[in-house]
Protein backbone atom coordinates (compact mmCIF):
# COMPACT_ATOMS: atom_id res chain seq x y z
CA MET A 1 43.35 -72.03 -58.13
CA SER A 2 45.49 -68.96 -57.39
CA VAL A 3 47.65 -67.77 -60.28
CA VAL A 4 50.56 -67.40 -57.87
CA ILE A 5 50.18 -71.03 -56.77
CA VAL A 6 50.13 -72.19 -60.38
CA LYS A 7 53.38 -70.32 -61.07
CA PHE A 8 54.99 -71.83 -58.01
CA ILE A 9 53.97 -75.31 -59.13
CA LEU A 10 55.90 -74.71 -62.36
CA ILE A 11 59.16 -74.40 -60.45
CA PHE A 12 58.74 -77.28 -58.06
CA LEU A 13 61.57 -79.77 -58.24
CA LEU A 14 60.44 -83.27 -57.39
CA ILE A 15 63.41 -85.02 -55.86
CA ASN A 16 64.07 -88.45 -54.53
CA CYS A 17 66.14 -87.58 -51.47
CA HIS A 18 68.27 -90.66 -50.99
CA LEU A 19 71.25 -89.16 -49.19
CA GLY A 20 73.45 -92.07 -50.16
CA TYR A 21 73.58 -90.80 -53.75
CA ALA A 22 77.15 -91.03 -55.04
CA ILE A 23 79.11 -87.79 -55.27
CA THR A 24 82.31 -87.09 -57.18
CA GLU A 25 85.52 -85.77 -55.64
CA TYR A 26 85.93 -82.02 -55.39
CA LEU A 27 88.06 -80.23 -57.99
CA LEU A 28 90.14 -77.26 -56.85
CA ASP A 29 89.38 -73.87 -58.35
CA SER A 30 90.13 -70.16 -58.06
CA ASN A 31 89.58 -68.55 -54.64
CA ASP A 32 89.80 -71.85 -52.77
CA MET A 33 91.90 -71.42 -49.62
CA LEU A 34 94.41 -74.20 -48.82
CA GLN A 35 96.69 -75.23 -46.02
CA ILE A 36 99.87 -76.87 -47.27
CA GLU A 37 102.52 -78.61 -45.19
CA VAL A 38 105.86 -79.95 -46.41
CA LEU A 39 107.43 -82.17 -43.75
CA GLN A 40 111.00 -81.70 -45.04
CA ASP A 41 110.97 -77.87 -45.13
CA GLU A 42 108.81 -75.83 -42.73
CA SER A 43 109.47 -72.65 -44.73
CA LEU A 44 107.09 -74.01 -47.37
CA ASN A 45 104.28 -74.52 -44.86
CA LYS A 46 101.37 -72.19 -45.60
CA LYS A 47 98.16 -71.91 -43.56
CA ASP A 48 96.22 -69.59 -45.87
CA ILE A 49 97.34 -69.99 -49.45
CA LEU A 50 94.87 -68.77 -52.05
CA ILE A 51 94.42 -70.24 -55.49
CA ASP A 52 94.54 -67.20 -57.78
CA LYS A 53 92.30 -66.34 -60.73
CA ASP A 54 94.55 -68.38 -63.04
CA GLY A 55 94.24 -71.44 -60.83
CA LYS A 56 97.77 -71.20 -59.44
CA ILE A 57 99.34 -71.01 -55.99
CA GLU A 58 102.60 -69.34 -54.95
CA LEU A 59 104.62 -71.78 -52.83
CA GLY A 60 107.65 -69.85 -51.55
CA TYR A 61 110.90 -70.51 -53.41
CA ALA A 62 109.18 -73.31 -55.34
CA GLY A 63 107.34 -70.67 -57.35
CA LYS A 64 103.91 -70.87 -58.94
CA ILE A 65 102.14 -74.21 -59.36
CA SER A 66 98.85 -74.67 -61.23
CA LEU A 67 96.24 -76.69 -59.30
CA LYS A 68 93.06 -75.73 -61.17
CA ASN A 69 90.58 -78.59 -61.71
CA MET A 70 92.71 -81.04 -59.73
CA THR A 71 91.59 -83.23 -56.84
CA VAL A 72 93.45 -82.87 -53.54
CA PRO A 73 95.34 -86.19 -54.02
CA SER A 74 96.35 -85.14 -57.54
CA ALA A 75 97.47 -81.70 -56.33
CA ARG A 76 99.52 -83.30 -53.55
CA LYS A 77 101.28 -85.56 -56.06
CA LYS A 78 101.96 -82.64 -58.40
CA ILE A 79 103.53 -80.50 -55.65
CA LYS A 80 105.55 -83.49 -54.43
CA LYS A 81 106.86 -84.18 -57.94
CA HIS A 82 107.69 -80.51 -58.51
CA LEU A 83 109.62 -80.21 -55.23
CA GLU A 84 111.54 -83.46 -55.67
CA LYS A 85 112.49 -82.57 -59.25
CA GLU A 86 113.84 -79.12 -58.49
CA PHE A 87 114.49 -78.61 -54.78
CA LEU A 88 114.23 -81.56 -52.37
CA LYS A 89 115.36 -85.17 -52.40
CA LYS A 90 112.08 -86.18 -50.77
CA ALA A 91 108.88 -84.28 -50.09
CA ASN A 92 105.97 -85.40 -47.94
CA VAL A 93 103.11 -83.04 -48.74
CA LYS A 94 99.82 -82.53 -46.95
CA ILE A 95 96.96 -80.41 -48.35
CA GLU A 96 93.75 -79.37 -46.60
CA ILE A 97 90.99 -77.21 -48.06
CA MET A 98 90.34 -74.42 -45.55
CA SER A 99 87.50 -72.75 -47.46
CA TYR A 100 85.80 -73.02 -50.82
CA GLY A 101 85.91 -69.93 -53.04
CA SER A 102 82.82 -69.06 -55.02
CA LYS A 103 81.18 -72.48 -54.77
CA MET A 104 78.59 -71.49 -52.20
CA VAL A 105 74.82 -72.05 -52.11
CA LYS A 106 72.17 -71.14 -49.56
CA ILE A 107 69.58 -73.55 -48.25
CA TYR A 108 66.68 -72.73 -45.94
CA GLY A 109 63.37 -74.21 -44.91
CA GLU A 110 62.76 -77.61 -43.38
CA ILE A 111 66.36 -78.73 -42.98
CA LYS A 112 68.30 -79.13 -39.75
CA VAL A 113 71.10 -76.59 -40.33
CA THR A 114 70.11 -73.65 -42.54
CA GLY A 115 72.41 -71.15 -44.18
CA GLU A 116 75.41 -71.09 -46.49
CA LYS A 117 76.88 -74.38 -47.68
CA TYR A 118 80.02 -74.85 -49.73
CA LEU A 119 79.94 -77.30 -52.61
CA LYS A 120 82.49 -80.00 -51.89
CA THR A 121 82.25 -81.71 -55.25
CA ASN A 122 82.60 -80.70 -58.87
CA LYS A 123 78.99 -81.74 -59.40
CA SER A 124 76.54 -81.39 -56.52
CA LEU A 125 72.89 -82.46 -56.53
CA ILE A 126 69.99 -81.48 -54.28
CA PRO A 127 70.44 -84.54 -52.00
CA ASP A 128 74.12 -83.62 -51.56
CA ILE A 129 73.22 -80.15 -50.27
CA ILE A 130 70.59 -81.57 -47.93
CA ALA A 131 73.26 -83.91 -46.56
CA LEU A 132 75.56 -80.91 -45.93
CA ALA A 133 72.66 -79.39 -43.97
CA ASN A 134 72.49 -82.49 -41.72
CA GLY A 135 69.33 -83.73 -43.39
CA LYS A 136 65.70 -82.69 -43.41
CA THR A 137 63.28 -82.12 -40.55
CA LYS A 138 60.24 -84.32 -39.97
CA LEU A 139 58.02 -81.63 -41.51
CA ALA A 140 59.97 -81.44 -44.78
CA SER A 141 58.25 -82.20 -48.04
CA GLU A 142 59.76 -84.17 -50.92
CA MET A 143 59.88 -81.01 -53.02
CA ALA A 144 62.39 -78.19 -53.36
CA TYR A 145 62.37 -74.68 -54.76
CA VAL A 146 65.53 -73.72 -56.65
CA VAL A 147 65.99 -70.01 -57.32
CA ARG A 148 68.86 -68.94 -59.53
CA ASN A 149 70.37 -65.47 -59.77
CA TYR A 150 69.16 -63.56 -62.82
CA LYS A 151 72.75 -62.88 -63.96
CA ASP A 152 73.26 -66.60 -64.47
CA LYS A 153 73.69 -67.64 -68.12
CA SER A 154 72.35 -71.18 -67.86
CA PRO A 155 69.78 -72.17 -70.49
CA PHE A 156 66.76 -72.62 -68.23
CA LYS A 157 63.55 -70.97 -69.35
CA ILE A 158 62.70 -67.80 -67.43
CA ILE A 159 59.29 -68.02 -65.77
CA GLU A 160 58.99 -64.69 -64.00
CA LYS A 161 60.97 -61.99 -62.25
CA ARG A 162 60.02 -60.92 -58.74
CA LYS A 163 61.43 -59.99 -55.36
CA TYR A 164 62.17 -63.20 -53.47
CA SER A 165 62.26 -62.76 -49.69
CA THR A 166 65.14 -64.40 -47.84
CA PRO A 167 66.10 -64.27 -44.16
CA LYS A 168 68.69 -61.60 -45.05
CA GLY A 169 66.32 -59.35 -46.96
CA LYS A 170 64.95 -59.09 -50.46
CA ILE A 171 67.11 -60.00 -53.43
CA ASP A 172 66.30 -59.58 -57.10
CA TYR A 173 65.96 -63.03 -58.64
CA ILE A 174 64.41 -64.68 -61.63
CA TYR A 175 62.62 -67.96 -61.18
CA LYS A 176 63.77 -70.55 -63.66
CA GLU A 177 62.25 -73.82 -64.72
CA VAL A 178 63.87 -76.81 -63.05
CA VAL A 179 64.12 -80.45 -64.00
CA GLN A 180 61.90 -83.03 -62.33
CA SER A 181 64.80 -85.30 -61.48
CA LYS A 182 67.13 -86.01 -58.59
CA GLY A 183 69.91 -85.40 -61.14
CA PHE A 184 69.30 -81.62 -61.17
CA GLU A 185 72.71 -80.00 -60.71
CA VAL A 186 73.10 -77.23 -58.13
CA LEU A 187 75.23 -74.28 -59.24
CA PRO A 188 77.18 -71.75 -57.14
CA GLY A 189 74.91 -68.93 -55.99
CA ASP A 190 71.72 -71.00 -56.06
CA PHE A 191 69.11 -70.45 -53.36
CA ILE A 192 67.36 -73.66 -52.27
CA TYR A 193 64.22 -73.79 -50.17
CA ILE A 194 62.80 -77.03 -48.77
CA PRO A 195 59.14 -76.31 -47.98
CA PRO A 196 57.14 -77.95 -45.23
CA VAL A 197 54.53 -80.52 -46.04
CA PHE A 198 50.98 -79.22 -45.55
CA ARG A 199 48.58 -81.70 -43.97
CA ILE A 200 44.91 -80.91 -44.50
CA THR A 201 42.04 -83.01 -43.12
CA LEU A 202 38.68 -83.05 -44.92
CA VAL A 203 35.52 -84.40 -43.30
CA GLY A 204 31.82 -84.30 -44.04
CA GLU A 205 30.19 -84.16 -47.44
CA VAL A 206 33.20 -84.94 -49.60
CA LEU A 207 33.63 -88.12 -51.63
CA GLN A 208 36.78 -89.27 -49.82
CA GLU A 209 37.28 -88.07 -46.26
CA GLY A 210 40.81 -88.17 -44.91
CA THR A 211 44.08 -86.32 -44.36
CA TYR A 212 45.91 -85.17 -47.46
CA THR A 213 49.46 -83.85 -47.82
CA PHE A 214 50.62 -81.05 -50.09
CA SER A 215 54.13 -79.78 -50.82
CA TYR A 216 52.83 -76.23 -51.14
CA LYS A 217 50.18 -74.15 -49.40
CA PRO A 218 46.88 -75.34 -50.91
CA ASP A 219 43.73 -73.31 -51.31
CA ILE A 220 40.25 -74.61 -50.56
CA VAL A 221 39.67 -75.54 -54.24
CA ARG A 222 42.77 -77.72 -54.37
CA ALA A 223 41.92 -79.39 -51.07
CA ILE A 224 38.39 -80.28 -52.19
CA ALA A 225 39.78 -81.65 -55.44
CA ALA A 226 42.15 -83.90 -53.46
CA ALA A 227 39.10 -85.36 -51.70
CA ARG A 228 37.57 -86.14 -55.11
CA GLY A 229 35.03 -83.33 -54.85
CA PHE A 230 31.69 -82.88 -53.11
CA LYS A 231 28.81 -85.20 -52.49
CA LYS A 232 25.49 -84.06 -53.97
CA THR A 233 24.32 -83.02 -50.51
CA ALA A 234 27.31 -80.76 -49.75
CA GLY A 235 26.73 -77.26 -48.44
CA GLN A 236 29.35 -75.53 -50.55
CA LYS A 237 28.54 -72.05 -49.23
CA ASN A 238 28.84 -73.01 -45.56
CA ILE A 239 32.21 -74.75 -45.24
CA ILE A 240 33.97 -74.38 -41.88
CA VAL A 241 37.75 -74.44 -41.54
CA LYS A 242 38.89 -75.36 -38.05
CA ARG A 243 42.31 -73.85 -37.33
CA LYS A 244 44.56 -74.18 -34.30
CA THR A 245 45.88 -70.90 -32.88
CA PRO A 246 47.76 -70.02 -29.67
CA ASP A 247 44.38 -69.07 -28.19
CA GLY A 248 42.68 -72.31 -29.19
CA ILE A 249 40.71 -73.60 -32.17
CA ILE A 250 38.84 -71.05 -34.26
CA ASN A 251 36.13 -71.68 -36.85
CA ILE A 252 36.50 -69.82 -40.17
CA PRO A 253 33.50 -69.75 -42.54
CA VAL A 254 34.41 -70.28 -46.18
CA ASN A 255 32.22 -69.93 -49.26
CA TYR A 256 33.59 -72.39 -51.81
CA LYS A 257 31.73 -70.82 -54.72
CA ASN A 258 33.41 -67.46 -54.11
CA SER A 259 36.81 -69.17 -54.23
CA ILE A 260 36.20 -71.08 -57.43
CA ASN A 261 34.73 -68.04 -59.19
CA ASN A 262 37.62 -65.76 -58.22
CA ASP A 263 40.99 -67.45 -57.81
CA LYS A 264 42.53 -64.21 -56.48
CA GLU A 265 40.29 -64.54 -53.42
CA SER A 266 40.55 -68.32 -53.05
CA PHE A 267 40.90 -69.21 -49.37
CA LEU A 268 44.38 -70.47 -48.49
CA LEU A 269 44.75 -73.28 -45.96
CA LEU A 270 47.44 -73.81 -43.34
CA THR A 271 48.97 -77.08 -42.24
CA ASN A 272 46.77 -79.07 -39.81
CA ASP A 273 43.61 -77.21 -40.87
CA VAL A 274 40.44 -79.31 -40.72
CA VAL A 275 37.92 -78.60 -43.48
CA VAL A 276 34.35 -79.45 -42.48
CA VAL A 277 31.83 -79.65 -45.34
CA PRO A 278 28.29 -79.67 -43.92
CA GLU A 279 25.22 -81.32 -45.36
CA SER A 280 22.67 -79.18 -47.14
CA TRP A 281 19.45 -80.14 -48.91
CA PHE A 282 18.76 -76.69 -50.28
C-alpha cells in the first residue's frame, strides 16, 4: 500500500454524523460584531458594535460593559440591569450577533455549501459544522480530514508537515492526529475536508466478487484485499481496470505483482472503476 495512503489513514476521523447532536449556546468573545437596540433611547442603538480585545463594548453614555463569555440572553440582561441602575427607569434591550470574530473554520468536499463557516457555539463538533454547510452530498463518505494550523498549541501528536492544497492556494499546515469519535471538538482556524466515498467493483477470480466502498482513494492492493484476495486460478499479471471517461470506457492493464512489490508504483483506483481479474492456469 502507498506510504502516502497509510499516512492519510492515520488522520482519518471516523464520525457518526447524526445532525441532531445537541449543541451548546454560543458564548460572546472578542471581535464579535453586535447590533444592539434600546427601545427607550435610540441614541444607544448601535448597528456595528465590536467586542474589544478585553471582551467589552462601548455603549454610548452608558460606558463600557464586559460581555466576554456570556450568552446573548445573559448579555441582554446585564445591559438592561446596567441601564436601569444608572440611567433609565426601564430598558428593553435587543441583541443580535452580526458576525463572529475569530471563530471561523473552512469546510470543503462533499458537502452542499462549501467555504467559511462561523462557529455558533462555544463547543462545536464535526456534525455541527456539516449542519452549517446544509448537510452532506450523496457521494460523501462517513470520514473527515481535519487539518489544523501548525501555529496551534493543542496537544495533538504531529504526524507530518506538508503543503496542503486548498481552493484558495497552498497553505503551510501540519497534519495532526485526530480522535476517532464524534466528540472531536473543532477549533477556530481548522480546515475540514469531507471526502467522497469511492465505490470499486471487483469481478472474476477473486474470492468475493462485489462492489466495495472506501473513504479514501484505494490502490489495487487494497481493493483486492477487500475482496478477500485471489482465487488460485487468478491471472495476477493481467488484471484489467475498466474506467469511465468522457470518451467512453477504457481498459487499463494492471500488473498486481508490480504494485505489491513497489508501493510507490501501486495503481490507484478511481470511484466506479471495475476491476476484472481474469483466469489463468499458467
